[in-house]
Amino acid sequence: MVKNGWAVAGWGVGFAGFGAGCALSGTALFGASWVGWLLAAVGVTAVGAGIGVVRGRPPRRLLRALCGPAAVAAWGLLMDVLALLFGQAVDSVPGAVQHVLGATGALLLAAAARRPGGAAGVRREAAVEAAPANVQVACWIGTTAFLPYVVMKLTWAFGGSFAGLSGDRMYDGYVRNGSSGIWLALERWGLDGTALLAAVGVFLLWGLVRPWGQVFPRWTVVLSGRRVPRWLPLAPALVGAATLVPYGLGMTGYLALCTAGVVEVRRADFGTGELASTSAMLQIGWVGAVAFAGFGLALAVATRSYWRRTAR
């Protein structure tokens, strides 16, 4: 617990310094420079909470409460990771730093808030078991929600048309938007980057609910039979769920308002804005919203189940 306390306090100092620095320099976070002061306040509070942990009086409610703003600060980390994976620059360097600090803080705060379980010095291996049936049903729903999105993206990658847009027009749009050479090469080979990542995401999702997510299966050869490090699936799962759930639900709400005619569709919100009609953008948007919201919620459910089943 002492190590966790010092880690939280150290993170708080860094987070507070980063937030104050952005506020004083006028660097916008979430579109406004004053947000930096909010981050600084969270960091200072975390320092106090960390010191409480070090002294043996962990303020668990406060630590859990601080997980919220830290997780919000991490929103967008997944997008940064995806951009870097495909050789593209992140939208904002300060924003990317904020995302990394937020995710780190959320994990440290959650670890410090945990109550120690079991007798001192006793380490119990978690039982290897599949997730309950209702969790696996959620995973099937999340997997199915991604299928229309994958079909849409692969249709464009193979040169077909979807929602009135051809693959060539989509490719021209990628070029105009400054997509990286890696991304463009994949598209020319009929491989869409987001479709590939969707496949990786589905693999992660099922790893969280099946026994092979706890013990390496036989097809891993050298690693076969060994325990899967708990952090290996949890780290990307937590980042993915924290990003996709608010993004997918927010996108769903926005599209619902657009479809009902309450607000007008903003072409800037769609990468295909200059190429598509309003109806086409809504059709494309709904495919994405269903995919991200459905998969994100399933990932959150599976992550919680894995966390509880593998807790020691």
C-alpha atoms as a PDB file:
ATOM      1  CA  MET A   1       0.000   0.000   0.000  1.00  0.00           C
ATOM      2  CA  VAL A   2       2.876   2.378   0.761  1.00  0.00           C
ATOM      3  CA  LYS A   3       4.251   1.986  -2.763  1.00  0.00           C
ATOM      4  CA  ASN A   4       0.791   2.637  -4.202  1.00  0.00           C
ATOM      5  CA  GLY A   5       0.527   5.766  -2.077  1.00  0.00           C
ATOM      6  CA  TRP A   6       3.824   7.189  -3.262  1.00  0.00           C
ATOM      7  CA  ALA A   7       2.894   6.335  -6.854  1.00  0.00           C
ATOM      8  CA  VAL A   8      -0.423   8.189  -6.526  1.00  0.00           C
ATOM      9  CA  ALA A   9       1.249  11.183  -4.877  1.00  0.00           C
ATOM     10  CA  GLY A  10       3.938  11.299  -7.559  1.00  0.00           C
ATOM     11  CA  TRP A  11       1.351  11.079 -10.291  1.00  0.00           C
ATOM     12  CA  GLY A  12      -0.620  13.869  -8.618  1.00  0.00           C
ATOM     13  CA  VAL A  13       2.414  16.157  -8.648  1.00  0.00           C
ATOM     14  CA  GLY A  14       2.985  15.493 -12.338  1.00  0.00           C
ATOM     15  CA  PHE A  15      -0.679  15.867 -13.250  1.00  0.00           C
ATOM     16  CA  ALA A  16      -1.023  19.095 -11.293  1.00  0.00           C
ATOM     17  CA  GLY A  17       2.133  20.493 -12.874  1.00  0.00           C
ATOM     18  CA  PHE A  18       0.952  19.556 -16.349  1.00  0.00           C
ATOM     19  CA  GLY A  19      -2.474  21.112 -15.815  1.00  0.00           C
ATOM     20  CA  ALA A  20      -1.094  24.322 -14.329  1.00  0.00           C
ATOM     21  CA  GLY A  21       1.477  24.588 -17.102  1.00  0.00           C
ATOM     22  CA  CYS A  22      -1.211  24.282 -19.779  1.00  0.00           C
ATOM     23  CA  ALA A  23      -3.426  26.837 -18.039  1.00  0.00           C
ATOM     24  CA  LEU A  24      -0.619  29.379 -17.617  1.00  0.00           C
ATOM     25  CA  SER A  25       0.608  28.955 -21.186  1.00  0.00           C
ATOM     26  CA  GLY A  26      -2.890  29.156 -22.658  1.00  0.00           C
ATOM     27  CA  THR A  27      -2.715  25.613 -24.050  1.00  0.00           C
ATOM     28  CA  ALA A  28      -6.217  24.351 -24.748  1.00  0.00           C
ATOM     29  CA  LEU A  29      -7.338  21.010 -23.335  1.00  0.00           C
ATOM     30  CA  PHE A  30     -10.801  19.831 -24.339  1.00  0.00           C
ATOM     31  CA  GLY A  31     -11.017  23.107 -26.253  1.00  0.00           C
ATOM     32  CA  ALA A  32     -10.310  25.506 -23.368  1.00  0.00           C
ATOM     33  CA  SER A  33      -7.173  26.544 -21.485  1.00  0.00           C
ATOM     34  CA  TRP A  34      -8.971  26.874 -18.125  1.00  0.00           C
ATOM     35  CA  VAL A  35      -9.453  23.096 -18.089  1.00  0.00           C
ATOM     36  CA  GLY A  36      -5.807  22.942 -17.059  1.00  0.00           C
ATOM     37  CA  TRP A  37      -6.741  24.369 -13.663  1.00  0.00           C
ATOM     38  CA  LEU A  38      -9.254  21.552 -13.177  1.00  0.00           C
ATOM     39  CA  LEU A  39      -6.529  19.015 -13.899  1.00  0.00           C
ATOM     40  CA  ALA A  40      -4.253  20.808 -11.458  1.00  0.00           C
ATOM     41  CA  ALA A  41      -6.936  20.605  -8.761  1.00  0.00           C
ATOM     42  CA  VAL A  42      -7.355  16.875  -9.387  1.00  0.00           C
ATOM     43  CA  GLY A  43      -3.594  16.414  -9.163  1.00  0.00           C
ATOM     44  CA  VAL A  44      -3.264  18.326  -5.895  1.00  0.00           C
ATOM     45  CA  THR A  45      -6.127  16.333  -4.392  1.00  0.00           C
ATOM     46  CA  ALA A  46      -4.450  13.118  -5.530  1.00  0.00           C
ATOM     47  CA  VAL A  47      -1.250  14.148  -3.748  1.00  0.00           C
ATOM     48  CA  GLY A  48      -3.174  14.427  -0.492  1.00  0.00           C
ATOM     49  CA  ALA A  49      -4.904  11.099  -1.081  1.00  0.00           C
ATOM     50  CA  GLY A  50      -1.585   9.428  -1.842  1.00  0.00           C
ATOM     51  CA  ILE A  51      -0.062  10.737   1.378  1.00  0.00           C
ATOM     52  CA  GLY A  52      -3.058   9.313   3.235  1.00  0.00           C
ATOM     53  CA  VAL A  53      -2.330   5.904   1.723  1.00  0.00           C
ATOM     54  CA  VAL A  54       1.333   6.141   2.753  1.00  0.00           C
ATOM     55  CA  ARG A  55       0.309   6.935   6.327  1.00  0.00           C
ATOM     56  CA  GLY A  56      -1.900   3.870   6.461  1.00  0.00           C
ATOM     57  CA  ARG A  57      -5.199   5.751   6.265  1.00  0.00           C
ATOM     58  CA  PRO A  58      -6.204   5.366   2.612  1.00  0.00           C
ATOM     59  CA  PRO A  59      -9.190   7.588   1.718  1.00  0.00           C
ATOM     60  CA  ARG A  60     -10.755   4.957  -0.527  1.00  0.00           C
ATOM     61  CA  ARG A  61     -13.880   6.928  -1.369  1.00  0.00           C
ATOM     62  CA  LEU A  62     -11.782   9.883  -2.469  1.00  0.00           C
ATOM     63  CA  LEU A  63      -9.466   7.641  -4.472  1.00  0.00           C
ATOM     64  CA  ARG A  64     -12.433   6.088  -6.267  1.00  0.00           C
ATOM     65  CA  ALA A  65     -13.941   9.522  -6.881  1.00  0.00           C
ATOM     66  CA  LEU A  66     -10.681  10.740  -8.427  1.00  0.00           C
ATOM     67  CA  CYS A  67     -10.732   7.792 -10.834  1.00  0.00           C
ATOM     68  CA  GLY A  68     -13.621   9.520 -12.620  1.00  0.00           C
ATOM     69  CA  PRO A  69     -11.880  12.735 -13.739  1.00  0.00           C
ATOM     70  CA  ALA A  70      -8.680  10.792 -14.428  1.00  0.00           C
ATOM     71  CA  ALA A  71     -10.581   8.450 -16.755  1.00  0.00           C
ATOM     72  CA  VAL A  72     -12.248  11.422 -18.458  1.00  0.00           C
ATOM     73  CA  ALA A  73      -8.814  12.962 -19.002  1.00  0.00           C
ATOM     74  CA  ALA A  74      -7.755   9.714 -20.699  1.00  0.00           C
ATOM     75  CA  TRP A  75     -10.583   9.940 -23.227  1.00  0.00           C
ATOM     76  CA  GLY A  76      -9.077   9.870 -26.697  1.00  0.00           C
ATOM     77  CA  LEU A  77      -6.017   7.784 -25.794  1.00  0.00           C
ATOM     78  CA  LEU A  78      -7.182   4.960 -28.036  1.00  0.00           C
ATOM     79  CA  MET A  79      -7.410   7.336 -30.998  1.00  0.00           C
ATOM     80  CA  ASP A  80      -3.854   8.517 -30.331  1.00  0.00           C
ATOM     81  CA  VAL A  81      -2.598   4.940 -30.198  1.00  0.00           C
ATOM     82  CA  LEU A  82      -4.350   4.094 -33.460  1.00  0.00           C
ATOM     83  CA  ALA A  83      -2.885   7.156 -35.160  1.00  0.00           C
ATOM     84  CA  LEU A  84       0.638   6.203 -34.085  1.00  0.00           C
ATOM     85  CA  LEU A  85       0.146   2.578 -35.115  1.00  0.00           C
ATOM     86  CA  PHE A  86      -0.596   3.695 -38.658  1.00  0.00           C
ATOM     87  CA  GLY A  87       2.251   6.191 -38.827  1.00  0.00           C
ATOM     88  CA  GLN A  88       0.141   9.304 -38.389  1.00  0.00           C
ATOM     89  CA  ALA A  89       0.686  12.234 -36.057  1.00  0.00           C
ATOM     90  CA  VAL A  90      -1.602  12.738 -33.079  1.00  0.00           C
ATOM     91  CA  ASP A  91      -4.042  15.638 -33.294  1.00  0.00           C
ATOM     92  CA  SER A  92      -2.451  17.403 -30.320  1.00  0.00           C
ATOM     93  CA  VAL A  93       0.742  16.613 -28.421  1.00  0.00           C
ATOM     94  CA  PRO A  94      -0.499  18.226 -25.159  1.00  0.00           C
ATOM     95  CA  GLY A  95      -3.750  16.329 -25.610  1.00  0.00           C
ATOM     96  CA  ALA A  96      -1.874  13.056 -26.067  1.00  0.00           C
ATOM     97  CA  VAL A  97       0.165  13.728 -22.916  1.00  0.00           C
ATOM     98  CA  GLN A  98      -3.069  14.423 -21.048  1.00  0.00           C
ATOM     99  CA  HIS A  99      -4.536  11.127 -22.263  1.00  0.00           C
ATOM    100  CA  VAL A 100      -1.503   9.130 -21.116  1.00  0.00           C
ATOM    101  CA  LEU A 101      -1.398  10.863 -17.737  1.00  0.00           C
ATOM    102  CA  GLY A 102      -5.132  10.381 -17.256  1.00  0.00           C
ATOM    103  CA  ALA A 103      -5.014   6.665 -18.031  1.00  0.00           C
ATOM    104  CA  THR A 104      -1.988   6.169 -15.785  1.00  0.00           C
ATOM    105  CA  GLY A 105      -3.679   8.013 -12.957  1.00  0.00           C
ATOM    106  CA  ALA A 106      -6.923   6.070 -13.279  1.00  0.00           C
ATOM    107  CA  LEU A 107      -5.030   2.783 -12.941  1.00  0.00           C
ATOM    108  CA  LEU A 108      -2.905   3.987 -10.006  1.00  0.00           C
ATOM    109  CA  LEU A 109      -5.898   5.412  -8.166  1.00  0.00           C
ATOM    110  CA  ALA A 110      -7.931   2.246  -8.691  1.00  0.00           C
ATOM    111  CA  ALA A 111      -5.048   0.113  -7.415  1.00  0.00           C
ATOM    112  CA  ALA A 112      -4.622   2.283  -4.318  1.00  0.00           C
ATOM    113  CA  ALA A 113      -8.362   2.186  -3.601  1.00  0.00           C
ATOM    114  CA  ARG A 114      -8.498  -1.610  -3.520  1.00  0.00           C
ATOM    115  CA  ARG A 115      -8.981  -3.283  -0.181  1.00  0.00           C
ATOM    116  CA  PRO A 116      -6.306  -5.879   0.591  1.00  0.00           C
ATOM    117  CA  GLY A 117      -7.805  -9.361   0.501  1.00  0.00           C
ATOM    118  CA  GLY A 118      -6.745 -12.612   2.070  1.00  0.00           C
ATOM    119  CA  ALA A 119      -4.199 -13.320   4.755  1.00  0.00           C
ATOM    120  CA  ALA A 120      -0.912 -11.488   4.711  1.00  0.00           C
ATOM    121  CA  GLY A 121       1.694 -13.201   2.599  1.00  0.00           C
ATOM    122  CA  VAL A 122      -0.810 -15.635   1.074  1.00  0.00           C
ATOM    123  CA  ARG A 123      -1.103 -15.517  -2.698  1.00  0.00           C
ATOM    124  CA  ARG A 124      -3.989 -17.397  -4.239  1.00  0.00           C
ATOM    125  CA  GLU A 125      -4.172 -18.263  -7.915  1.00  0.00           C
ATOM    126  CA  ALA A 126      -7.482 -17.311  -9.488  1.00  0.00           C
ATOM    127  CA  ALA A 127      -9.487 -20.250 -10.812  1.00  0.00           C
ATOM    128  CA  VAL A 128      -9.392 -20.664 -14.581  1.00  0.00           C
ATOM    129  CA  GLU A 129     -12.977 -20.418 -15.731  1.00  0.00           C
ATOM    130  CA  ALA A 130     -15.117 -18.945 -18.455  1.00  0.00           C
ATOM    131  CA  ALA A 131     -17.264 -15.899 -17.816  1.00  0.00           C
ATOM    132  CA  PRO A 132     -20.939 -16.394 -16.884  1.00  0.00           C
ATOM    133  CA  ALA A 133     -23.385 -17.019 -19.716  1.00  0.00           C
ATOM    134  CA  ASN A 134     -24.909 -13.528 -19.564  1.00  0.00           C
ATOM    135  CA  VAL A 135     -21.470 -11.954 -20.025  1.00  0.00           C
ATOM    136  CA  GLN A 136     -20.809 -14.157 -23.046  1.00  0.00           C
ATOM    137  CA  VAL A 137     -24.178 -13.166 -24.506  1.00  0.00           C
ATOM    138  CA  ALA A 138     -23.083  -9.535 -24.193  1.00  0.00           C
ATOM    139  CA  CYS A 139     -19.909 -10.444 -26.084  1.00  0.00           C
ATOM    140  CA  TRP A 140     -21.916 -12.022 -28.891  1.00  0.00           C
ATOM    141  CA  ILE A 141     -23.983  -8.849 -29.138  1.00  0.00           C
ATOM    142  CA  GLY A 142     -20.846  -6.694 -29.177  1.00  0.00           C
ATOM    143  CA  THR A 143     -19.238  -8.874 -31.836  1.00  0.00           C
ATOM    144  CA  THR A 144     -22.353  -8.781 -34.000  1.00  0.00           C
ATOM    145  CA  ALA A 145     -22.560  -4.997 -33.648  1.00  0.00           C
ATOM    146  CA  PHE A 146     -19.151  -4.695 -35.315  1.00  0.00           C
ATOM    147  CA  LEU A 147     -20.031  -6.791 -38.374  1.00  0.00           C
ATOM    148  CA  PRO A 148     -21.841  -4.075 -40.412  1.00  0.00           C
ATOM    149  CA  TYR A 149     -18.942  -1.692 -39.754  1.00  0.00           C
ATOM    150  CA  VAL A 150     -16.363  -4.220 -40.932  1.00  0.00           C
ATOM    151  CA  VAL A 151     -18.436  -5.023 -44.026  1.00  0.00           C
ATOM    152  CA  MET A 152     -18.746  -1.309 -44.838  1.00  0.00           C
ATOM    153  CA  LYS A 153     -15.024  -0.631 -44.489  1.00  0.00           C
ATOM    154  CA  LEU A 154     -13.957  -3.723 -46.420  1.00  0.00           C
ATOM    155  CA  THR A 155     -16.433  -2.892 -49.179  1.00  0.00           C
ATOM    156  CA  TRP A 156     -14.640   0.415 -49.696  1.00  0.00           C
ATOM    157  CA  ALA A 157     -11.213  -1.188 -49.360  1.00  0.00           C
ATOM    158  CA  PHE A 158     -12.051  -3.664 -52.142  1.00  0.00           C
ATOM    159  CA  GLY A 159     -13.299  -0.858 -54.384  1.00  0.00           C
ATOM    160  CA  GLY A 160     -17.026  -1.373 -53.887  1.00  0.00           C
ATOM    161  CA  SER A 161     -19.689   1.182 -52.992  1.00  0.00           C
ATOM    162  CA  PHE A 162     -21.560   1.759 -49.743  1.00  0.00           C
ATOM    163  CA  ALA A 163     -24.113   4.502 -49.049  1.00  0.00           C
ATOM    164  CA  GLY A 164     -23.505   5.845 -52.541  1.00  0.00           C
ATOM    165  CA  LEU A 165     -19.761   6.236 -52.011  1.00  0.00           C
ATOM    166  CA  SER A 166     -17.242   4.259 -54.034  1.00  0.00           C
ATOM    167  CA  GLY A 167     -13.961   2.926 -52.738  1.00  0.00           C
ATOM    168  CA  ASP A 168     -12.026   5.218 -55.087  1.00  0.00           C
ATOM    169  CA  ARG A 169     -13.789   8.310 -53.756  1.00  0.00           C
ATOM    170  CA  MET A 170     -13.098   7.215 -50.198  1.00  0.00           C
ATOM    171  CA  TYR A 171      -9.437   6.671 -51.070  1.00  0.00           C
ATOM    172  CA  ASP A 172      -9.235  10.158 -52.581  1.00  0.00           C
ATOM    173  CA  GLY A 173     -10.722  11.484 -49.351  1.00  0.00           C
ATOM    174  CA  TYR A 174      -8.034   9.698 -47.314  1.00  0.00           C
ATOM    175  CA  VAL A 175      -5.353  11.292 -49.492  1.00  0.00           C
ATOM    176  CA  ARG A 176      -6.830  14.778 -49.072  1.00  0.00           C
ATOM    177  CA  ASN A 177      -7.105  14.292 -45.311  1.00  0.00           C
ATOM    178  CA  GLY A 178      -3.389  13.510 -45.070  1.00  0.00           C
ATOM    179  CA  SER A 179      -3.592   9.805 -44.208  1.00  0.00           C
ATOM    180  CA  SER A 180      -0.232   8.107 -43.729  1.00  0.00           C
ATOM    181  CA  GLY A 181       1.494   5.972 -46.329  1.00  0.00           C
ATOM    182  CA  ILE A 182       0.858   2.851 -44.242  1.00  0.00           C
ATOM    183  CA  TRP A 183      -2.881   3.525 -44.176  1.00  0.00           C
ATOM    184  CA  LEU A 184      -3.030   4.233 -47.907  1.00  0.00           C
ATOM    185  CA  ALA A 185      -0.993   1.124 -48.716  1.00  0.00           C
ATOM    186  CA  LEU A 186      -3.343  -1.059 -46.677  1.00  0.00           C
ATOM    187  CA  GLU A 187      -6.334   0.423 -48.475  1.00  0.00           C
ATOM    188  CA  ARG A 188      -4.750  -0.320 -51.848  1.00  0.00           C
ATOM    189  CA  TRP A 189      -4.178  -3.920 -50.756  1.00  0.00           C
ATOM    190  CA  GLY A 190      -7.841  -4.262 -49.802  1.00  0.00           C
ATOM    191  CA  LEU A 191      -7.103  -4.111 -46.072  1.00  0.00           C
ATOM    192  CA  ASP A 192      -8.803  -1.400 -44.055  1.00  0.00           C
ATOM    193  CA  GLY A 193      -6.901  -0.455 -40.911  1.00  0.00           C
ATOM    194  CA  THR A 194      -9.956  -0.037 -38.705  1.00  0.00           C
ATOM    195  CA  ALA A 195     -11.367  -3.374 -39.872  1.00  0.00           C
ATOM    196  CA  LEU A 196      -8.104  -5.065 -38.874  1.00  0.00           C
ATOM    197  CA  LEU A 197      -8.242  -3.385 -35.480  1.00  0.00           C
ATOM    198  CA  ALA A 198     -11.861  -4.469 -35.099  1.00  0.00           C
ATOM    199  CA  ALA A 199     -10.699  -8.065 -35.534  1.00  0.00           C
ATOM    200  CA  VAL A 200      -8.035  -7.524 -32.862  1.00  0.00           C
ATOM    201  CA  GLY A 201     -10.682  -5.998 -30.599  1.00  0.00           C
ATOM    202  CA  VAL A 202     -12.990  -8.980 -31.000  1.00  0.00           C
ATOM    203  CA  PHE A 203     -10.067 -11.305 -30.213  1.00  0.00           C
ATOM    204  CA  LEU A 204      -9.414  -9.308 -27.033  1.00  0.00           C
ATOM    205  CA  LEU A 205     -13.109  -9.345 -26.142  1.00  0.00           C
ATOM    206  CA  TRP A 206     -13.335 -13.132 -26.257  1.00  0.00           C
ATOM    207  CA  GLY A 207     -10.024 -13.532 -24.491  1.00  0.00           C
ATOM    208  CA  LEU A 208     -11.577 -11.732 -21.538  1.00  0.00           C
ATOM    209  CA  VAL A 209     -14.391 -14.260 -21.208  1.00  0.00           C
ATOM    210  CA  ARG A 210     -12.818 -17.568 -22.241  1.00  0.00           C
ATOM    211  CA  PRO A 211     -10.311 -19.683 -20.257  1.00  0.00           C
ATOM    212  CA  TRP A 212      -7.565 -19.093 -22.843  1.00  0.00           C
ATOM    213  CA  GLY A 213      -7.542 -15.485 -21.674  1.00  0.00           C
ATOM    214  CA  GLN A 214      -6.197 -16.673 -18.316  1.00  0.00           C
ATOM    215  CA  VAL A 215      -3.876 -19.483 -19.406  1.00  0.00           C
ATOM    216  CA  PHE A 216      -2.043 -19.450 -22.731  1.00  0.00           C
ATOM    217  CA  PRO A 217      -3.571 -22.137 -25.007  1.00  0.00           C
ATOM    218  CA  ARG A 218      -1.655 -24.861 -26.848  1.00  0.00           C
ATOM    219  CA  TRP A 219      -1.421 -22.920 -30.100  1.00  0.00           C
ATOM    220  CA  THR A 220       0.854 -20.377 -28.415  1.00  0.00           C
ATOM    221  CA  VAL A 221       3.500 -23.171 -28.359  1.00  0.00           C
ATOM    222  CA  VAL A 222       6.266 -21.758 -26.131  1.00  0.00           C
ATOM    223  CA  LEU A 223       3.858 -20.021 -23.754  1.00  0.00           C
ATOM    224  CA  SER A 224       1.369 -22.897 -23.655  1.00  0.00           C
ATOM    225  CA  GLY A 225       0.090 -23.653 -20.158  1.00  0.00           C
ATOM    226  CA  ARG A 226       1.511 -20.534 -18.549  1.00  0.00           C
ATOM    227  CA  ARG A 227      -0.609 -17.933 -16.806  1.00  0.00           C
ATOM    228  CA  VAL A 228      -1.517 -14.869 -18.842  1.00  0.00           C
ATOM    229  CA  PRO A 229      -0.286 -11.767 -16.970  1.00  0.00           C
ATOM    230  CA  ARG A 230      -3.412 -10.072 -15.679  1.00  0.00           C
ATOM    231  CA  TRP A 231      -2.400  -6.670 -16.991  1.00  0.00           C
ATOM    232  CA  LEU A 232      -1.893  -7.949 -20.551  1.00  0.00           C
ATOM    233  CA  PRO A 233      -5.593  -8.056 -21.520  1.00  0.00           C
ATOM    234  CA  LEU A 234      -6.799  -5.592 -18.882  1.00  0.00           C
ATOM    235  CA  ALA A 235      -4.651  -2.641 -19.974  1.00  0.00           C
ATOM    236  CA  PRO A 236      -5.958  -2.421 -23.566  1.00  0.00           C
ATOM    237  CA  ALA A 237      -9.445  -3.453 -22.448  1.00  0.00           C
ATOM    238  CA  LEU A 238      -9.707  -0.635 -19.904  1.00  0.00           C
ATOM    239  CA  VAL A 239      -8.417   1.943 -22.384  1.00  0.00           C
ATOM    240  CA  GLY A 240     -10.718   0.638 -25.106  1.00  0.00           C
ATOM    241  CA  ALA A 241     -13.826   0.564 -22.934  1.00  0.00           C
ATOM    242  CA  ALA A 242     -13.132   4.006 -21.445  1.00  0.00           C
ATOM    243  CA  THR A 243     -12.812   5.433 -24.966  1.00  0.00           C
ATOM    244  CA  LEU A 244     -15.426   3.536 -26.963  1.00  0.00           C
ATOM    245  CA  VAL A 245     -18.341   3.652 -24.506  1.00  0.00           C
ATOM    246  CA  PRO A 246     -18.591   7.464 -24.208  1.00  0.00           C
ATOM    247  CA  TYR A 247     -17.677   7.906 -27.877  1.00  0.00           C
ATOM    248  CA  GLY A 248     -20.244   5.380 -29.089  1.00  0.00           C
ATOM    249  CA  LEU A 249     -23.045   6.561 -26.803  1.00  0.00           C
ATOM    250  CA  GLY A 250     -22.312  10.213 -27.547  1.00  0.00           C
ATOM    251  CA  MET A 251     -22.322   9.500 -31.267  1.00  0.00           C
ATOM    252  CA  THR A 252     -25.609   7.607 -30.920  1.00  0.00           C
ATOM    253  CA  GLY A 253     -27.253  10.531 -29.140  1.00  0.00           C
ATOM    254  CA  TYR A 254     -25.955  13.015 -31.695  1.00  0.00           C
ATOM    255  CA  LEU A 255     -27.160  10.926 -34.638  1.00  0.00           C
ATOM    256  CA  ALA A 256     -30.554  10.446 -33.010  1.00  0.00           C
ATOM    257  CA  LEU A 257     -30.951  14.229 -32.830  1.00  0.00           C
ATOM    258  CA  CYS A 258     -29.778  14.595 -36.436  1.00  0.00           C
ATOM    259  CA  THR A 259     -32.135  11.888 -37.655  1.00  0.00           C
ATOM    260  CA  ALA A 260     -35.052  13.511 -35.832  1.00  0.00           C
ATOM    261  CA  GLY A 261     -34.182  16.855 -37.410  1.00  0.00           C
ATOM    262  CA  VAL A 262     -33.498  18.529 -34.071  1.00  0.00           C
ATOM    263  CA  VAL A 263     -29.971  19.482 -35.124  1.00  0.00           C
ATOM    264  CA  GLU A 264     -28.338  19.693 -38.515  1.00  0.00           C
ATOM    265  CA  VAL A 265     -25.640  17.254 -39.546  1.00  0.00           C
ATOM    266  CA  ARG A 266     -22.246  18.937 -39.497  1.00  0.00           C
ATOM    267  CA  ARG A 267     -20.136  17.715 -42.370  1.00  0.00           C
ATOM    268  CA  ALA A 268     -16.982  18.360 -40.357  1.00  0.00           C
ATOM    269  CA  ASP A 269     -18.028  15.529 -38.028  1.00  0.00           C
ATOM    270  CA  PHE A 270     -17.596  12.993 -40.829  1.00  0.00           C
ATOM    271  CA  GLY A 271     -14.411  12.133 -42.663  1.00  0.00           C
ATOM    272  CA  THR A 272     -16.570  11.690 -45.761  1.00  0.00           C
ATOM    273  CA  GLY A 273     -18.284  15.053 -45.307  1.00  0.00           C
ATOM    274  CA  GLU A 274     -17.250  16.602 -48.611  1.00  0.00           C
ATOM    275  CA  LEU A 275     -18.099  13.422 -50.498  1.00  0.00           C
ATOM    276  CA  ALA A 276     -21.431  12.320 -49.080  1.00  0.00           C
ATOM    277  CA  SER A 277     -25.000  13.540 -48.944  1.00  0.00           C
ATOM    278  CA  THR A 278     -26.734  14.079 -45.612  1.00  0.00           C
ATOM    279  CA  SER A 279     -28.597  10.774 -45.851  1.00  0.00           C
ATOM    280  CA  ALA A 280     -25.388   8.932 -46.709  1.00  0.00           C
ATOM    281  CA  MET A 281     -23.562  10.506 -43.773  1.00  0.00           C
ATOM    282  CA  LEU A 282     -26.357   9.456 -41.428  1.00  0.00           C
ATOM    283  CA  GLN A 283     -26.278   5.924 -42.782  1.00  0.00           C
ATOM    284  CA  ILE A 284     -22.510   5.713 -42.370  1.00  0.00           C
ATOM    285  CA  GLY A 285     -22.723   7.353 -38.959  1.00  0.00           C
ATOM    286  CA  TRP A 286     -25.298   4.895 -37.641  1.00  0.00           C
ATOM    287  CA  VAL A 287     -23.177   1.945 -38.740  1.00  0.00           C
ATOM    288  CA  GLY A 288     -20.258   3.386 -36.783  1.00  0.00           C
ATOM    289  CA  ALA A 289     -22.350   4.327 -33.747  1.00  0.00           C
ATOM    290  CA  VAL A 290     -23.858   0.862 -33.420  1.00  0.00           C
ATOM    291  CA  ALA A 291     -20.405  -0.698 -33.761  1.00  0.00           C
ATOM    292  CA  PHE A 292     -18.610   1.510 -31.241  1.00  0.00           C
ATOM    293  CA  ALA A 293     -21.406   1.668 -28.675  1.00  0.00           C
ATOM    294  CA  GLY A 294     -22.265  -2.028 -28.915  1.00  0.00           C
ATOM    295  CA  PHE A 295     -18.694  -3.252 -28.834  1.00  0.00           C
ATOM    296  CA  GLY A 296     -17.655  -0.711 -26.199  1.00  0.00           C
ATOM    297  CA  LEU A 297     -20.418  -1.748 -23.800  1.00  0.00           C
ATOM    298  CA  ALA A 298     -19.642  -5.433 -24.354  1.00  0.00           C
ATOM    299  CA  LEU A 299     -15.963  -4.736 -23.724  1.00  0.00           C
ATOM    300  CA  ALA A 300     -16.810  -2.927 -20.478  1.00  0.00           C
ATOM    301  CA  VAL A 301     -18.925  -5.879 -19.299  1.00  0.00           C
ATOM    302  CA  ALA A 302     -16.231  -8.399 -20.246  1.00  0.00           C
ATOM    303  CA  THR A 303     -13.494  -6.322 -18.614  1.00  0.00           C
ATOM    304  CA  ARG A 304     -15.396  -6.128 -15.339  1.00  0.00           C
ATOM    305  CA  SER A 305     -15.982  -9.875 -15.423  1.00  0.00           C
ATOM    306  CA  TYR A 306     -12.310 -10.625 -16.116  1.00  0.00           C
ATOM    307  CA  TRP A 307     -11.200  -8.224 -13.386  1.00  0.00           C
ATOM    308  CA  ARG A 308     -13.398  -9.952 -10.812  1.00  0.00           C
ATOM    309  CA  ARG A 309     -12.631 -13.510 -11.933  1.00  0.00           C
ATOM    310  CA  THR A 310      -8.860 -12.982 -11.884  1.00  0.00           C
ATOM    311  CA  ALA A 311      -8.686 -10.952  -8.666  1.00  0.00           C
ATOM    312  CA  ARG A 312      -6.348 -12.468  -6.095  1.00  0.00           C
END
